[in-house]
Amino acid sequence: MDALRLCIFNALLGLAGGGELLAIKMCRALEESGFDATMYTYSTGGVDVDRALKLLSPDYRPKLVVMRPPLIHEVLGISGRLIRLKRLLLASDFLKRINLLRECCDVIIDASSNMPTDADISYIHYPVSISSKAGGIHQLYELVIRKYVSDLAGNTLLVLTNSSWTLSKFRGVWGSRYLAEVLYPPVDVEYFSEVADNHVRDDLIVTITRFTPEKRLEAIVDIAKRLPNYEFVIAGTTSNYSRPVIKSLRGLMERLNVENLRILTDIPRSELRELLGRAKFYLHPPFPEHFGISVVEAASAGCIPIVYRDGGAWVDVVSKIDSRLGYGSVDEVPKIVEGLSDEEVSRLRVKAIDISKNFNYELFKGRVNYYVGYVLRLKGRSK
């Protein structure tokens, strides 16, 4: 009997962020479970896709269909606001093919549109919402977004969200119209925990990120200025649009005379693991992270995570380690770092490692198989 065929859509694999890693891991988990899984994505040339795979998944390459984006996509830049429109444009183009795909795919998974579409399963990293505060040109932008959301909303059979926090946000936008469950992203806790037993740590604070405007990385420069006895590292992946962000950070470092911060770009995961194995703390920028794969990676490596006191990274991960590890303003971060005794640091490191085990790959694999099986049964098919 031929394996059941699954289609996983991720609009911009080349962004090389947590959402893209989730799609790759989902494809791998389903392939290992006996499905014939194929990933669909867009690229202007393929170079960005290859680079993303080398950074995110050096030991596994999914079966890929790389599509050419529509012409309007070529003229759009990328930023914290435009990325919503860019994904929706690509989702619209992809969903035009969905009836043809149904002829060859048993289950279609939309892993990046961030709204319930006509795919069988819609995975939500953060639900697309319409701002009510926008004015001027931004109001026009929100009207365009609203139009695409209205056109793309479909009868998905199952919504999956990356955290309980995101699920609550999804309910705030879409109510109880859709069946929705939490499926935490898989984290390479086994890989990063290989350095967890390193009890001799440097006075080092690490941030892992994508170099994009919405990440608010300038706050890390400010905090580094306030903690001169600590070394700081921002390690992140880049895209064609990262250069202005990095240039701005370096300019701010120069103006504030910050010499205890290094910026590392596109480093291999082995180097990232070594870095986390030396660090005492992991610091996430001040915004509500919807889940925060890097936060869990750091915790599994034995770093104590400090995150903004909102979002999935706080609600589903760090608050379960210790309530003192959340902050509401950058002024609080130095107090958190300097307020922990050596004994408390050791205790929190053990707790962080323990909590991180709830997000390992095998648990994810079991859950994604369960949900795919559920959808197959709804469609009258079986594995």
Protein backbone atom coordinates (compact mmCIF):
# COMPACT_ATOMS: atom_id res chain seq x y z
CA MET A 1 0.00 0.00 0.00
CA ASP A 2 1.37 3.42 -0.96
CA ALA A 3 2.13 5.87 1.84
CA LEU A 4 -0.43 8.59 2.44
CA ARG A 5 0.71 11.89 0.97
CA LEU A 6 0.91 15.09 3.00
CA CYS A 7 1.55 18.64 1.81
CA ILE A 8 3.06 21.20 4.21
CA PHE A 9 3.01 24.86 3.15
CA ASN A 10 5.50 27.40 4.53
CA ALA A 11 5.48 30.65 2.57
CA LEU A 12 9.02 31.89 3.19
CA LEU A 13 11.36 29.13 4.26
CA GLY A 14 14.28 31.45 3.51
CA LEU A 15 13.46 33.60 6.56
CA ALA A 16 15.12 30.85 8.65
CA GLY A 17 13.16 31.61 11.81
CA GLY A 18 11.27 29.54 14.35
CA GLY A 19 8.22 29.16 12.11
CA GLU A 20 10.35 27.81 9.32
CA LEU A 21 12.07 25.38 11.71
CA LEU A 22 8.64 24.17 12.85
CA ALA A 23 7.63 23.38 9.27
CA ILE A 24 10.85 21.45 8.63
CA LYS A 25 10.45 19.46 11.85
CA MET A 26 6.83 18.73 11.04
CA CYS A 27 7.81 17.40 7.63
CA ARG A 28 10.52 15.25 9.19
CA ALA A 29 8.27 13.87 11.94
CA LEU A 30 5.58 12.86 9.47
CA GLU A 31 8.10 11.33 7.07
CA GLU A 32 9.61 9.28 9.90
CA SER A 33 6.09 8.10 10.75
CA GLY A 34 5.60 6.60 7.31
CA PHE A 35 3.91 9.44 5.43
CA ASP A 36 5.04 10.77 2.07
CA ALA A 37 5.51 14.42 3.12
CA THR A 38 6.38 17.29 0.79
CA MET A 39 7.02 20.92 1.71
CA TYR A 40 5.88 23.77 -0.54
CA THR A 41 7.55 27.18 -0.29
CA TYR A 42 8.42 30.26 -2.34
CA SER A 43 11.78 31.65 -3.36
CA THR A 44 13.09 34.25 -5.79
CA GLY A 45 15.99 32.00 -6.72
CA GLY A 46 16.44 29.18 -4.27
CA VAL A 47 19.60 30.47 -2.63
CA ASP A 48 17.75 31.64 0.46
CA VAL A 49 16.04 28.26 0.83
CA ASP A 50 19.31 26.34 0.68
CA ARG A 51 20.87 28.70 3.20
CA ALA A 52 17.92 28.32 5.57
CA LEU A 53 18.11 24.53 5.42
CA LYS A 54 21.85 24.54 6.17
CA LEU A 55 21.29 26.79 9.19
CA LEU A 56 18.15 25.19 10.58
CA SER A 57 18.43 21.55 9.57
CA PRO A 58 21.94 20.54 8.48
CA ASP A 59 21.19 16.83 8.91
CA TYR A 60 17.82 16.66 7.17
CA ARG A 61 16.45 18.04 3.91
CA PRO A 62 12.72 17.72 3.28
CA LYS A 63 11.25 16.91 -0.10
CA LEU A 64 10.73 20.39 -1.50
CA VAL A 65 8.64 22.11 -4.14
CA VAL A 66 10.01 25.64 -4.52
CA MET A 67 7.59 27.96 -6.30
CA ARG A 68 8.09 31.30 -8.01
CA PRO A 69 6.27 34.10 -6.18
CA PRO A 70 3.71 36.36 -7.87
CA LEU A 71 5.08 39.54 -9.40
CA ILE A 72 3.68 41.87 -6.72
CA HIS A 73 5.72 39.99 -4.13
CA GLU A 74 8.91 41.04 -5.90
CA VAL A 75 8.29 44.75 -5.33
CA LEU A 76 7.48 44.48 -1.63
CA GLY A 77 10.13 44.92 1.02
CA ILE A 78 9.94 43.18 4.37
CA SER A 79 9.38 44.60 7.82
CA GLY A 80 7.41 43.95 10.97
CA ARG A 81 4.28 45.26 9.23
CA LEU A 82 4.76 44.22 5.61
CA ILE A 83 5.61 40.62 6.46
CA ARG A 84 1.91 40.03 7.22
CA LEU A 85 0.90 41.17 3.75
CA LYS A 86 3.75 39.28 2.14
CA ARG A 87 2.68 35.99 3.73
CA LEU A 88 -0.96 36.57 2.86
CA LEU A 89 -0.07 37.28 -0.77
CA LEU A 90 1.85 34.02 -0.97
CA ALA A 91 -0.90 32.14 0.84
CA SER A 92 -3.41 33.49 -1.66
CA ASP A 93 -1.26 32.30 -4.55
CA PHE A 94 -0.74 28.89 -2.94
CA LEU A 95 -4.41 28.37 -2.10
CA LYS A 96 -5.35 28.86 -5.75
CA ARG A 97 -3.61 25.53 -6.30
CA ILE A 98 -5.34 23.75 -3.44
CA ASN A 99 -7.96 21.90 -5.47
CA LEU A 100 -5.26 20.45 -7.70
CA LEU A 101 -3.24 19.48 -4.61
CA ARG A 102 -6.22 17.67 -3.12
CA GLU A 103 -6.04 15.26 -6.05
CA CYS A 104 -2.59 14.11 -4.95
CA CYS A 105 -2.45 14.94 -1.21
CA ASP A 106 -4.43 13.27 1.56
CA VAL A 107 -3.84 16.10 4.06
CA ILE A 108 -2.80 19.69 3.38
CA ILE A 109 -1.21 21.64 6.25
CA ASP A 110 -0.87 25.42 6.11
CA ALA A 111 2.00 26.17 8.51
CA SER A 112 2.53 29.88 7.93
CA SER A 113 -0.56 31.90 6.95
CA ASN A 114 -1.50 32.47 10.62
CA MET A 115 -5.21 32.22 9.94
CA PRO A 116 -7.68 29.41 9.27
CA THR A 117 -7.58 28.80 5.51
CA ASP A 118 -9.01 26.05 3.29
CA ALA A 119 -6.11 23.78 4.21
CA ASP A 120 -7.11 20.71 6.25
CA ILE A 121 -4.92 21.86 9.17
CA SER A 122 -3.98 25.49 9.84
CA TYR A 123 -1.03 26.08 12.17
CA ILE A 124 -1.10 29.46 13.90
CA HIS A 125 2.09 31.09 15.20
CA TYR A 126 0.13 34.27 15.90
CA PRO A 127 -3.32 35.04 14.45
CA VAL A 128 -3.53 37.72 11.80
CA SER A 129 -5.42 40.63 13.35
CA ILE A 130 -6.65 43.99 12.16
CA SER A 131 -5.34 47.04 14.00
CA SER A 132 -8.02 49.49 15.08
CA LYS A 133 -5.51 52.23 15.90
CA ALA A 134 -3.96 52.67 12.49
CA GLY A 135 -4.26 55.99 10.69
CA GLY A 136 -3.21 57.48 7.36
CA ILE A 137 -1.20 55.17 5.14
CA HIS A 138 -1.25 52.50 7.84
CA GLN A 139 -5.05 52.51 7.77
CA LEU A 140 -4.92 51.76 4.06
CA TYR A 141 -2.50 48.92 4.75
CA GLU A 142 -4.86 47.47 7.36
CA LEU A 143 -7.73 47.64 4.87
CA VAL A 144 -5.66 45.59 2.42
CA ILE A 145 -4.91 43.06 5.16
CA ARG A 146 -8.60 42.90 6.06
CA LYS A 147 -9.49 42.19 2.44
CA TYR A 148 -7.03 39.30 2.21
CA VAL A 149 -8.14 37.86 5.56
CA SER A 150 -11.76 37.95 4.41
CA ASP A 151 -10.92 36.28 1.10
CA LEU A 152 -8.63 33.60 2.56
CA ALA A 153 -10.66 32.54 5.61
CA GLY A 154 -11.74 28.97 4.97
CA ASN A 155 -13.23 25.83 6.42
CA THR A 156 -10.12 24.31 7.93
CA LEU A 157 -10.82 21.10 9.83
CA LEU A 158 -8.37 21.77 12.66
CA VAL A 159 -6.46 24.77 14.00
CA LEU A 160 -3.22 24.17 15.87
CA THR A 161 -1.48 26.93 17.83
CA ASN A 162 2.08 27.12 19.13
CA SER A 163 1.17 27.95 22.74
CA SER A 164 -1.78 28.31 25.10
CA TRP A 165 -1.16 32.09 24.96
CA THR A 166 -1.51 32.08 21.17
CA LEU A 167 -4.65 29.94 21.48
CA SER A 168 -6.23 32.62 23.68
CA LYS A 169 -5.29 35.29 21.10
CA PHE A 170 -6.77 33.15 18.32
CA ARG A 171 -10.03 32.81 20.25
CA GLY A 172 -10.08 36.59 20.65
CA VAL A 173 -10.01 37.01 16.87
CA TRP A 174 -12.05 34.03 15.65
CA GLY A 175 -14.14 33.02 18.67
CA SER A 176 -15.19 29.35 18.88
CA ARG A 177 -15.87 28.90 15.18
CA TYR A 178 -12.98 26.45 14.73
CA LEU A 179 -11.77 23.39 16.60
CA ALA A 180 -8.42 24.53 18.00
CA GLU A 181 -5.69 22.80 20.03
CA VAL A 182 -2.13 23.55 21.20
CA LEU A 183 0.78 21.84 19.47
CA TYR A 184 4.06 23.10 20.91
CA PRO A 185 6.90 23.37 18.40
CA PRO A 186 9.62 20.74 18.75
CA VAL A 187 12.89 21.90 20.26
CA ASP A 188 16.27 20.17 19.94
CA VAL A 189 16.53 19.76 23.70
CA GLU A 190 18.57 16.57 23.32
CA TYR A 191 21.12 18.41 21.18
CA PHE A 192 21.45 21.47 23.41
CA SER A 193 21.30 19.51 26.69
CA GLU A 194 24.68 18.00 25.83
CA VAL A 195 26.23 21.18 27.29
CA ALA A 196 23.81 21.45 30.23
CA ASP A 197 26.19 19.76 32.67
CA ASN A 198 28.69 22.59 32.32
CA HIS A 199 28.41 24.09 35.81
CA VAL A 200 31.27 26.57 35.36
CA ARG A 201 29.67 29.43 33.47
CA ASP A 202 31.00 32.73 32.19
CA ASP A 203 29.41 36.07 33.05
CA LEU A 204 27.78 35.85 29.64
CA ILE A 205 24.25 36.75 28.51
CA VAL A 206 23.11 35.46 25.11
CA THR A 207 20.23 36.49 22.85
CA ILE A 208 19.20 34.35 19.85
CA THR A 209 17.10 36.02 17.19
CA ARG A 210 16.41 36.92 13.58
CA PHE A 211 17.79 40.32 12.66
CA THR A 212 14.48 41.98 11.78
CA PRO A 213 13.04 45.33 12.93
CA GLU A 214 10.19 43.96 15.02
CA LYS A 215 12.54 42.07 17.35
CA ARG A 216 13.42 45.28 19.28
CA LEU A 217 17.08 44.33 19.61
CA GLU A 218 18.09 47.88 20.48
CA ALA A 219 16.87 47.08 24.00
CA ILE A 220 19.67 44.51 24.36
CA VAL A 221 22.21 47.27 23.67
CA ASP A 222 20.61 49.38 26.41
CA ILE A 223 20.72 46.50 28.90
CA ALA A 224 24.35 45.71 28.04
CA LYS A 225 25.18 49.33 28.89
CA ARG A 226 23.64 48.81 32.33
CA LEU A 227 25.52 45.56 33.04
CA PRO A 228 29.16 46.34 32.16
CA ASN A 229 30.49 43.35 34.11
CA TYR A 230 28.72 40.93 31.79
CA GLU A 231 29.57 39.99 28.22
CA PHE A 232 26.61 40.06 25.82
CA VAL A 233 26.15 38.25 22.52
CA ILE A 234 23.34 38.66 20.00
CA ALA A 235 23.48 35.63 17.69
CA GLY A 236 21.02 35.54 14.83
CA THR A 237 20.09 34.56 11.32
CA THR A 238 20.03 37.12 8.54
CA SER A 239 18.17 37.74 5.32
CA ASN A 240 18.58 40.27 2.55
CA TYR A 241 16.77 42.75 4.77
CA SER A 242 18.93 42.40 7.90
CA ARG A 243 21.70 44.80 6.95
CA PRO A 244 19.86 47.99 8.08
CA VAL A 245 18.99 46.36 11.41
CA ILE A 246 22.58 45.34 12.12
CA LYS A 247 23.88 48.73 10.98
CA SER A 248 21.45 50.46 13.35
CA LEU A 249 22.54 48.25 16.25
CA ARG A 250 26.21 48.93 15.64
CA GLY A 251 25.50 52.66 15.41
CA LEU A 252 23.65 52.56 18.74
CA MET A 253 26.51 50.63 20.34
CA GLU A 254 28.93 53.30 19.19
CA ARG A 255 26.77 56.18 20.43
CA LEU A 256 26.30 54.55 23.84
CA ASN A 257 29.93 53.42 24.00
CA VAL A 258 28.89 49.80 24.54
CA GLU A 259 31.95 47.56 24.27
CA ASN A 260 30.68 44.43 26.03
CA LEU A 261 28.34 43.30 23.23
CA ARG A 262 29.15 41.19 20.17
CA ILE A 263 26.92 40.55 17.15
CA LEU A 264 27.27 37.13 15.52
CA THR A 265 25.45 36.32 12.29
CA ASP A 266 24.46 32.97 10.79
CA ILE A 267 26.67 30.88 13.05
CA PRO A 268 26.33 27.06 12.84
CA ARG A 269 24.25 25.31 15.47
CA SER A 270 27.35 23.66 16.93
CA GLU A 271 28.80 27.11 17.69
CA LEU A 272 25.45 28.27 19.06
CA ARG A 273 25.35 25.28 21.41
CA GLU A 274 28.89 25.98 22.61
CA LEU A 275 27.93 29.60 23.26
CA LEU A 276 24.86 28.62 25.31
CA GLY A 277 26.99 26.10 27.21
CA ARG A 278 29.15 28.95 28.49
CA ALA A 279 26.39 31.44 29.29
CA LYS A 280 24.72 32.01 32.65
CA PHE A 281 21.66 33.75 31.26
CA TYR A 282 19.57 33.90 28.11
CA LEU A 283 17.86 37.26 27.49
CA HIS A 284 14.91 37.66 25.14
CA PRO A 285 14.04 41.11 23.74
CA PRO A 286 11.08 43.05 25.22
CA PHE A 287 8.09 41.86 23.23
CA PRO A 288 5.56 39.04 23.74
CA GLU A 289 7.16 36.04 22.02
CA HIS A 290 4.41 33.77 20.74
CA PHE A 291 6.28 30.62 21.78
CA GLY A 292 10.05 31.10 21.69
CA ILE A 293 12.02 28.11 20.41
CA SER A 294 15.29 29.85 21.27
CA VAL A 295 14.13 30.32 24.85
CA VAL A 296 13.62 26.58 25.27
CA GLU A 297 16.90 25.80 23.48
CA ALA A 298 18.72 28.02 25.94
CA ALA A 299 16.94 26.49 28.94
CA SER A 300 17.84 22.98 27.79
CA ALA A 301 21.49 24.07 27.51
CA GLY A 302 21.48 25.16 31.14
CA CYS A 303 20.98 28.90 30.67
CA ILE A 304 18.55 30.75 32.90
CA PRO A 305 16.03 32.44 30.56
CA ILE A 306 14.84 35.99 31.22
CA VAL A 307 11.91 37.07 29.03
CA TYR A 308 9.29 39.77 28.67
CA ARG A 309 6.41 39.14 31.08
CA ASP A 310 3.86 38.36 28.39
CA GLY A 311 3.52 35.93 25.50
CA GLY A 312 3.87 32.18 25.13
CA ALA A 313 7.53 32.17 26.14
CA TRP A 314 6.46 33.61 29.48
CA VAL A 315 3.12 31.86 30.06
CA ASP A 316 4.02 28.37 28.79
CA VAL A 317 7.75 28.21 29.60
CA VAL A 318 9.57 30.70 31.82
CA SER A 319 6.83 31.39 34.38
CA LYS A 320 6.94 27.66 35.16
CA ILE A 321 10.64 27.97 36.03
CA ASP A 322 10.38 30.99 38.34
CA SER A 323 8.08 34.03 38.45
CA ARG A 324 11.07 36.33 39.03
CA LEU A 325 12.45 35.68 35.52
CA GLY A 326 9.96 37.92 33.72
CA TYR A 327 10.36 41.66 33.16
CA GLY A 328 8.05 44.47 32.11
CA SER A 329 10.69 47.09 31.34
CA VAL A 330 14.42 47.00 30.58
CA ASP A 331 15.05 48.68 33.94
CA GLU A 332 14.12 45.41 35.67
CA VAL A 333 16.62 43.18 33.85
CA PRO A 334 19.79 44.27 35.74
CA LYS A 335 17.94 43.77 39.02
CA ILE A 336 16.98 40.22 38.01
CA VAL A 337 20.53 39.31 36.93
CA GLU A 338 22.24 40.84 39.96
CA GLY A 339 19.57 39.76 42.45
CA LEU A 340 20.12 36.00 42.12
CA SER A 341 22.60 34.29 44.45
CA ASP A 342 24.94 31.57 43.18
CA GLU A 343 22.79 29.00 44.98
CA GLU A 344 19.64 30.29 43.28
CA VAL A 345 21.37 30.31 39.90
CA SER A 346 22.27 26.63 40.31
CA ARG A 347 18.73 25.72 41.38
CA LEU A 348 17.10 27.63 38.52
CA ARG A 349 19.44 26.04 36.00
CA VAL A 350 18.25 22.58 37.06
CA LYS A 351 14.60 23.69 36.91
CA ALA A 352 15.07 25.23 33.44
CA ILE A 353 16.55 22.00 32.09
CA ASP A 354 13.67 20.01 33.57
CA ILE A 355 10.97 22.29 32.09
CA SER A 356 12.62 22.20 28.65
CA LYS A 357 12.02 18.44 28.41
CA ASN A 358 8.31 19.12 27.88
CA PHE A 359 9.08 20.40 24.39
CA ASN A 360 11.25 17.66 22.92
CA TYR A 361 10.98 16.31 19.40
CA GLU A 362 9.54 12.88 20.28
CA LEU A 363 6.61 14.44 22.16
CA PHE A 364 5.95 16.72 19.17
CA LYS A 365 6.16 13.79 16.76
CA GLY A 366 3.58 11.84 18.72
CA ARG A 367 1.19 14.78 18.90
CA VAL A 368 1.45 15.77 15.24
CA ASN A 369 0.77 12.16 14.26
CA TYR A 370 -2.27 12.14 16.51
CA TYR A 371 -3.69 15.30 14.94
CA VAL A 372 -3.01 14.17 11.37
CA GLY A 373 -4.66 10.86 12.18
CA TYR A 374 -7.66 12.71 13.57
CA VAL A 375 -8.05 14.72 10.35
CA LEU A 376 -7.66 11.60 8.22
CA ARG A 377 -10.51 10.00 10.14
CA LEU A 378 -12.68 13.08 9.59
CA LYS A 379 -12.01 12.74 5.88
CA GLY A 380 -12.82 9.02 5.92
CA ARG A 381 -9.25 7.91 5.32
CA SER A 382 -6.82 5.91 7.38
CA LYS A 383 -3.07 5.48 7.56
